[in-house]
Amino acid sequence: MRWIWVMTGILGFVLAWMTKSPGLLGLGLILGLVGITMAVFSIAADRIQEGSRPEAMMMTPGEINQLRERAQQRQAPRPAAQPTPIRPPRE
């Protein structure tokens, strides 16, 4: 689909370049800008979709809560360390 948008943009700019009519010039510029903009959005959407995970791989809220509970259990309070006594300096 992106190639259709690129070709539409190029066709619009060619039309704007070749015409002598102000109406066709405006139409060509609008067609060219819309075509190129949509081509960029189409390329960006393909790149985003390429790097995304399928919804089946997403975790449910229940699974997230279970992981949180396990992490909190692992971080149980540890006994406080005994402070080291301060020794006076040697003379």
N, C-alpha and C. Protein backbone atom coordinates (compact mmCIF):
# COMPACT_ATOMS: atom_id res chain seq x y z
N MET A 1 0.82 -1.18 0.00
CA MET A 1 0.00 0.00 0.00
C MET A 1 0.86 1.25 0.00
N ARG A 2 2.03 1.14 0.66
CA ARG A 2 2.86 2.35 0.72
C ARG A 2 3.34 2.77 -0.65
N TRP A 3 3.53 1.84 -1.55
CA TRP A 3 3.99 2.21 -2.89
C TRP A 3 2.92 2.97 -3.66
N ILE A 4 1.68 2.65 -3.39
CA ILE A 4 0.58 3.41 -4.00
C ILE A 4 0.61 4.86 -3.51
N TRP A 5 0.85 5.04 -2.21
CA TRP A 5 0.93 6.40 -1.67
C TRP A 5 2.13 7.15 -2.23
N VAL A 6 3.27 6.47 -2.37
CA VAL A 6 4.45 7.13 -2.95
C VAL A 6 4.17 7.54 -4.39
N MET A 7 3.57 6.66 -5.15
CA MET A 7 3.26 6.99 -6.55
C MET A 7 2.23 8.12 -6.64
N THR A 8 1.26 8.13 -5.73
CA THR A 8 0.28 9.22 -5.71
C THR A 8 0.97 10.55 -5.41
N GLY A 9 1.90 10.54 -4.47
CA GLY A 9 2.64 11.76 -4.15
C GLY A 9 3.48 12.23 -5.33
N ILE A 10 4.17 11.32 -5.97
CA ILE A 10 4.99 11.69 -7.13
C ILE A 10 4.11 12.21 -8.26
N LEU A 11 2.98 11.54 -8.51
CA LEU A 11 2.05 11.99 -9.54
C LEU A 11 1.54 13.40 -9.25
N GLY A 12 1.22 13.67 -8.00
CA GLY A 12 0.77 15.01 -7.62
C GLY A 12 1.82 16.07 -7.86
N PHE A 13 3.07 15.79 -7.49
CA PHE A 13 4.14 16.77 -7.70
C PHE A 13 4.45 16.95 -9.19
N VAL A 14 4.38 15.87 -9.95
CA VAL A 14 4.58 15.98 -11.41
C VAL A 14 3.48 16.83 -12.01
N LEU A 15 2.25 16.61 -11.57
CA LEU A 15 1.13 17.41 -12.06
C LEU A 15 1.34 18.89 -11.72
N ALA A 16 1.77 19.17 -10.51
CA ALA A 16 2.02 20.56 -10.11
C ALA A 16 3.15 21.18 -10.92
N TRP A 17 4.16 20.41 -11.26
CA TRP A 17 5.31 20.91 -12.01
C TRP A 17 4.95 21.20 -13.47
N MET A 18 4.13 20.36 -14.05
CA MET A 18 3.84 20.44 -15.48
C MET A 18 2.71 21.41 -15.84
N THR A 19 1.84 21.73 -14.91
CA THR A 19 0.65 22.50 -15.25
C THR A 19 0.92 24.00 -15.30
N LYS A 20 0.04 24.69 -15.99
CA LYS A 20 0.10 26.14 -16.02
C LYS A 20 -1.14 26.74 -15.37
N SER A 21 -2.04 25.89 -14.93
CA SER A 21 -3.28 26.32 -14.31
C SER A 21 -3.10 26.40 -12.79
N PRO A 22 -3.51 27.51 -12.15
CA PRO A 22 -3.38 27.60 -10.69
C PRO A 22 -4.23 26.56 -9.95
N GLY A 23 -5.38 26.20 -10.50
CA GLY A 23 -6.22 25.20 -9.86
C GLY A 23 -5.56 23.83 -9.85
N LEU A 24 -5.01 23.43 -10.99
CA LEU A 24 -4.32 22.14 -11.06
C LEU A 24 -3.02 22.16 -10.24
N LEU A 25 -2.38 23.32 -10.17
CA LEU A 25 -1.18 23.45 -9.35
C LEU A 25 -1.52 23.16 -7.88
N GLY A 26 -2.59 23.79 -7.39
CA GLY A 26 -3.02 23.55 -6.01
C GLY A 26 -3.42 22.12 -5.77
N LEU A 27 -4.18 21.56 -6.73
CA LEU A 27 -4.58 20.17 -6.61
C LEU A 27 -3.37 19.24 -6.60
N GLY A 28 -2.40 19.50 -7.47
CA GLY A 28 -1.20 18.67 -7.52
C GLY A 28 -0.39 18.75 -6.24
N LEU A 29 -0.25 19.97 -5.68
CA LEU A 29 0.50 20.11 -4.43
C LEU A 29 -0.20 19.40 -3.27
N ILE A 30 -1.51 19.55 -3.22
CA ILE A 30 -2.25 18.85 -2.15
C ILE A 30 -2.13 17.34 -2.32
N LEU A 31 -2.30 16.87 -3.53
CA LEU A 31 -2.20 15.44 -3.81
C LEU A 31 -0.78 14.93 -3.48
N GLY A 32 0.22 15.69 -3.84
CA GLY A 32 1.60 15.29 -3.56
C GLY A 32 1.90 15.25 -2.07
N LEU A 33 1.49 16.28 -1.34
CA LEU A 33 1.76 16.32 0.10
C LEU A 33 1.00 15.23 0.85
N VAL A 34 -0.25 15.02 0.47
CA VAL A 34 -1.04 13.96 1.13
C VAL A 34 -0.44 12.59 0.82
N GLY A 35 -0.05 12.37 -0.44
CA GLY A 35 0.52 11.08 -0.82
C GLY A 35 1.82 10.77 -0.09
N ILE A 36 2.71 11.75 -0.02
CA ILE A 36 4.00 11.53 0.67
C ILE A 36 3.78 11.36 2.17
N THR A 37 2.88 12.17 2.75
CA THR A 37 2.61 12.05 4.19
C THR A 37 2.04 10.67 4.52
N MET A 38 1.11 10.20 3.73
CA MET A 38 0.53 8.88 3.98
C MET A 38 1.55 7.77 3.76
N ALA A 39 2.47 7.95 2.83
CA ALA A 39 3.52 6.95 2.62
C ALA A 39 4.42 6.87 3.86
N VAL A 40 4.76 8.02 4.42
CA VAL A 40 5.59 8.03 5.64
C VAL A 40 4.85 7.35 6.79
N PHE A 41 3.56 7.66 6.95
CA PHE A 41 2.79 7.00 8.01
C PHE A 41 2.68 5.50 7.78
N SER A 42 2.56 5.09 6.54
CA SER A 42 2.46 3.66 6.23
C SER A 42 3.77 2.95 6.56
N ILE A 43 4.89 3.56 6.24
CA ILE A 43 6.20 2.98 6.56
C ILE A 43 6.38 2.90 8.07
N ALA A 44 5.99 3.97 8.78
CA ALA A 44 6.11 3.96 10.24
C ALA A 44 5.23 2.89 10.88
N ALA A 45 4.02 2.72 10.36
CA ALA A 45 3.13 1.69 10.91
C ALA A 45 3.70 0.29 10.69
N ASP A 46 4.31 0.06 9.53
CA ASP A 46 4.93 -1.25 9.28
C ASP A 46 6.10 -1.50 10.23
N ARG A 47 6.89 -0.46 10.49
CA ARG A 47 8.02 -0.62 11.41
C ARG A 47 7.56 -0.89 12.83
N ILE A 48 6.51 -0.22 13.25
CA ILE A 48 5.99 -0.43 14.61
C ILE A 48 5.42 -1.84 14.74
N GLN A 49 4.67 -2.26 13.74
CA GLN A 49 4.06 -3.60 13.79
C GLN A 49 5.13 -4.69 13.75
N GLU A 50 6.23 -4.43 13.07
CA GLU A 50 7.31 -5.41 12.97
C GLU A 50 7.94 -5.69 14.33
N GLY A 51 8.02 -4.68 15.17
CA GLY A 51 8.67 -4.85 16.47
C GLY A 51 7.73 -5.17 17.61
N SER A 52 6.43 -5.25 17.35
CA SER A 52 5.48 -5.47 18.44
C SER A 52 5.25 -6.97 18.67
N ARG A 53 4.81 -7.26 19.88
CA ARG A 53 4.51 -8.64 20.23
C ARG A 53 3.05 -8.93 19.95
N PRO A 54 2.72 -10.18 19.66
CA PRO A 54 1.29 -10.52 19.50
C PRO A 54 0.58 -10.43 20.84
N GLU A 55 -0.72 -10.20 20.81
CA GLU A 55 -1.49 -10.06 22.04
C GLU A 55 -1.49 -11.33 22.87
N ALA A 56 -1.29 -12.46 22.26
CA ALA A 56 -1.27 -13.72 23.00
C ALA A 56 -0.05 -13.78 23.94
N MET A 57 0.97 -13.01 23.63
CA MET A 57 2.18 -13.01 24.46
C MET A 57 2.07 -12.04 25.64
N MET A 58 1.07 -11.18 25.65
CA MET A 58 0.90 -10.21 26.72
C MET A 58 0.45 -10.90 28.00
N MET A 59 0.85 -10.36 29.14
CA MET A 59 0.49 -10.93 30.43
C MET A 59 -0.85 -10.36 30.89
N THR A 60 -1.62 -11.20 31.55
CA THR A 60 -2.89 -10.76 32.11
C THR A 60 -2.62 -10.06 33.45
N PRO A 61 -3.56 -9.24 33.92
CA PRO A 61 -3.37 -8.59 35.22
C PRO A 61 -3.17 -9.58 36.36
N GLY A 62 -3.81 -10.74 36.28
CA GLY A 62 -3.62 -11.75 37.33
C GLY A 62 -2.18 -12.27 37.36
N GLU A 63 -1.60 -12.50 36.20
CA GLU A 63 -0.21 -12.97 36.15
C GLU A 63 0.75 -11.90 36.66
N ILE A 64 0.46 -10.64 36.37
CA ILE A 64 1.31 -9.55 36.86
C ILE A 64 1.25 -9.48 38.38
N ASN A 65 0.05 -9.64 38.96
CA ASN A 65 -0.09 -9.63 40.42
C ASN A 65 0.66 -10.79 41.06
N GLN A 66 0.62 -11.97 40.43
CA GLN A 66 1.37 -13.11 40.96
C GLN A 66 2.87 -12.83 40.96
N LEU A 67 3.37 -12.23 39.90
CA LEU A 67 4.80 -11.90 39.86
C LEU A 67 5.16 -10.88 40.94
N ARG A 68 4.28 -9.91 41.17
CA ARG A 68 4.53 -8.92 42.22
C ARG A 68 4.59 -9.57 43.59
N GLU A 69 3.66 -10.49 43.85
CA GLU A 69 3.64 -11.17 45.14
C GLU A 69 4.91 -12.00 45.34
N ARG A 70 5.35 -12.68 44.30
CA ARG A 70 6.60 -13.47 44.40
C ARG A 70 7.79 -12.57 44.68
N ALA A 71 7.83 -11.41 44.01
CA ALA A 71 8.95 -10.49 44.22
C ALA A 71 8.94 -9.95 45.64
N GLN A 72 7.76 -9.67 46.19
CA GLN A 72 7.68 -9.17 47.56
C GLN A 72 8.07 -10.25 48.56
N GLN A 73 7.76 -11.52 48.27
CA GLN A 73 8.14 -12.60 49.17
C GLN A 73 9.65 -12.79 49.17
N ARG A 74 10.28 -12.59 48.03
CA ARG A 74 11.74 -12.72 47.95
C ARG A 74 12.44 -11.61 48.71
N GLN A 75 11.80 -10.46 48.80
CA GLN A 75 12.42 -9.33 49.49
C GLN A 75 11.96 -9.26 50.94
N ALA A 76 11.84 -10.40 51.58
CA ALA A 76 11.45 -10.46 52.99
C ALA A 76 12.50 -9.73 53.81
N PRO A 77 12.09 -9.12 54.92
CA PRO A 77 13.07 -8.37 55.73
C PRO A 77 14.16 -9.29 56.27
N ARG A 78 15.36 -8.86 56.11
CA ARG A 78 16.52 -9.62 56.60
C ARG A 78 16.87 -9.12 58.00
N PRO A 79 17.49 -9.98 58.81
CA PRO A 79 17.89 -9.51 60.14
C PRO A 79 18.93 -8.40 60.01
N ALA A 80 18.80 -7.42 60.90
CA ALA A 80 19.72 -6.27 60.85
C ALA A 80 21.12 -6.73 61.22
N ALA A 81 22.09 -6.19 60.54
CA ALA A 81 23.48 -6.53 60.81
C ALA A 81 23.92 -5.83 62.10
N GLN A 82 24.77 -6.51 62.85
CA GLN A 82 25.30 -5.93 64.08
C GLN A 82 26.27 -4.81 63.74
N PRO A 83 26.09 -3.66 64.35
CA PRO A 83 27.04 -2.57 64.06
C PRO A 83 28.42 -2.90 64.59
N THR A 84 29.42 -2.50 63.89
CA THR A 84 30.79 -2.74 64.34
C THR A 84 31.14 -1.70 65.39
N PRO A 85 31.81 -2.15 66.47
CA PRO A 85 32.16 -1.19 67.53
C PRO A 85 33.22 -0.20 67.04
N ILE A 86 33.11 0.98 67.52
CA ILE A 86 34.08 2.03 67.15
C ILE A 86 35.25 1.93 68.14
N ARG A 87 36.43 1.79 67.59
CA ARG A 87 37.62 1.68 68.42
C ARG A 87 38.29 3.05 68.51
N PRO A 88 38.79 3.34 69.67
CA PRO A 88 39.50 4.63 69.79
C PRO A 88 40.82 4.57 69.02
N PRO A 89 41.29 5.69 68.52
CA PRO A 89 42.55 5.67 67.76
C PRO A 89 43.74 5.31 68.66
N ARG A 90 44.73 4.69 68.07
CA ARG A 90 45.94 4.30 68.81
C ARG A 90 46.84 5.52 68.98
N GLU A 91 47.50 5.52 70.12
CA GLU A 91 48.44 6.62 70.37
C GLU A 91 49.85 6.14 70.40
